[in-house]
């Protein structure tokens, strides 16, 4: 099963209390990774997600290159997703 590394920085790190975790997903979209992360970390789901989207004020960075909030963003096995505040 594909795996993605999810890292937290700033406010999201403070809210969920962890720096990073690996999640396994069936399909590789940002939404799938966010929901898999919320399943492992309920505080992440409650504080950082609105359905399968990041709440306003939060961004995802994919592999240190692309910033996005689009839940349909495709990912690859072994990608790294950094969750951080947009300010």
Protein backbone atom coordinates (compact mmCIF):
# COMPACT_ATOMS: atom_id res chain seq x y z
CA UNK A 1 0.00 0.00 0.00
CA UNK A 2 1.36 3.49 -0.82
CA UNK A 3 2.73 5.54 2.06
CA UNK A 4 3.09 9.31 2.48
CA UNK A 5 5.04 11.18 5.16
CA UNK A 6 2.97 13.96 6.78
CA UNK A 7 4.88 16.63 8.69
CA UNK A 8 3.46 19.46 10.78
CA UNK A 9 4.94 22.92 11.26
CA UNK A 10 3.97 25.90 13.40
CA UNK A 11 0.35 26.13 14.56
CA UNK A 12 -0.68 22.72 13.16
CA UNK A 13 2.23 21.08 15.00
CA UNK A 14 1.16 22.79 18.22
CA UNK A 15 -2.47 21.74 17.69
CA UNK A 16 -1.79 18.05 17.01
CA UNK A 17 1.22 17.59 19.27
CA UNK A 18 3.39 15.61 16.83
CA UNK A 19 6.03 16.56 14.29
CA UNK A 20 5.41 13.86 11.67
CA UNK A 21 3.87 10.50 10.89
CA UNK A 22 3.62 8.10 7.97
CA UNK A 23 0.19 7.23 6.63
CA UNK A 24 -0.81 4.47 4.26
CA UNK A 25 -3.48 5.33 1.71
CA UNK A 26 -5.46 3.43 -0.89
CA UNK A 27 -5.37 6.24 -3.44
CA UNK A 28 -2.93 9.10 -3.67
CA UNK A 29 -4.68 12.44 -3.45
CA UNK A 30 -4.21 15.13 -0.84
CA UNK A 31 -7.76 14.49 0.41
CA UNK A 32 -7.00 10.80 0.97
CA UNK A 33 -3.83 11.65 2.89
CA UNK A 34 -5.62 14.27 5.00
CA UNK A 35 -8.40 11.83 5.91
CA UNK A 36 -5.94 9.03 6.70
CA UNK A 37 -4.03 11.46 8.92
CA UNK A 38 -7.25 12.46 10.70
CA UNK A 39 -8.02 8.78 11.32
CA UNK A 40 -4.69 8.43 13.14
CA UNK A 41 -4.79 11.87 14.79
CA UNK A 42 -8.36 12.93 15.69
CA UNK A 43 -7.11 16.34 16.88
CA UNK A 44 -5.84 16.96 13.34
CA UNK A 45 -9.26 16.22 11.91
CA UNK A 46 -11.05 18.35 14.49
CA UNK A 47 -8.72 21.35 14.38
CA UNK A 48 -7.29 21.38 10.86
CA UNK A 49 -9.88 19.89 8.51
CA UNK A 50 -13.20 20.93 7.08
CA UNK A 51 -14.42 17.67 5.59
CA UNK A 52 -11.58 16.48 3.36
CA UNK A 53 -10.09 19.99 2.96
CA UNK A 54 -7.68 21.97 5.08
CA UNK A 55 -9.39 24.72 7.04
CA UNK A 56 -8.85 28.32 5.86
CA UNK A 57 -5.45 29.61 6.94
CA UNK A 58 -3.68 26.27 6.39
CA UNK A 59 -1.64 25.04 3.44
CA UNK A 60 -0.03 21.83 2.30
CA UNK A 61 3.44 21.81 0.76
CA UNK A 62 4.28 18.82 -1.40
CA UNK A 63 7.92 17.71 -1.32
CA UNK A 64 9.14 21.22 -0.51
CA UNK A 65 8.13 22.48 -3.95
CA UNK A 66 4.41 23.12 -4.40
CA UNK A 67 1.92 24.80 -2.07
CA UNK A 68 -1.73 23.79 -2.36
CA UNK A 69 -5.07 23.56 -0.63
CA UNK A 70 -6.71 21.54 -3.43
CA UNK A 71 -7.84 18.17 -2.05
CA UNK A 72 -7.68 16.66 -5.57
CA UNK A 73 -3.92 17.26 -5.79
CA UNK A 74 -2.31 14.00 -6.91
CA UNK A 75 0.51 12.55 -4.84
CA UNK A 76 3.02 9.74 -5.33
CA UNK A 77 4.15 6.93 -3.09
CA UNK A 78 6.78 8.20 -0.62
CA UNK A 79 5.89 11.89 -1.09
CA UNK A 80 6.24 14.26 1.86
CA UNK A 81 3.36 16.59 2.76
CA UNK A 82 4.04 19.49 5.12
CA UNK A 83 1.02 21.05 6.81
CA UNK A 84 1.56 24.67 7.88
CA UNK A 85 -0.16 28.01 8.43
CA UNK A 86 -0.57 30.17 5.36
CA UNK A 87 0.57 33.37 7.10
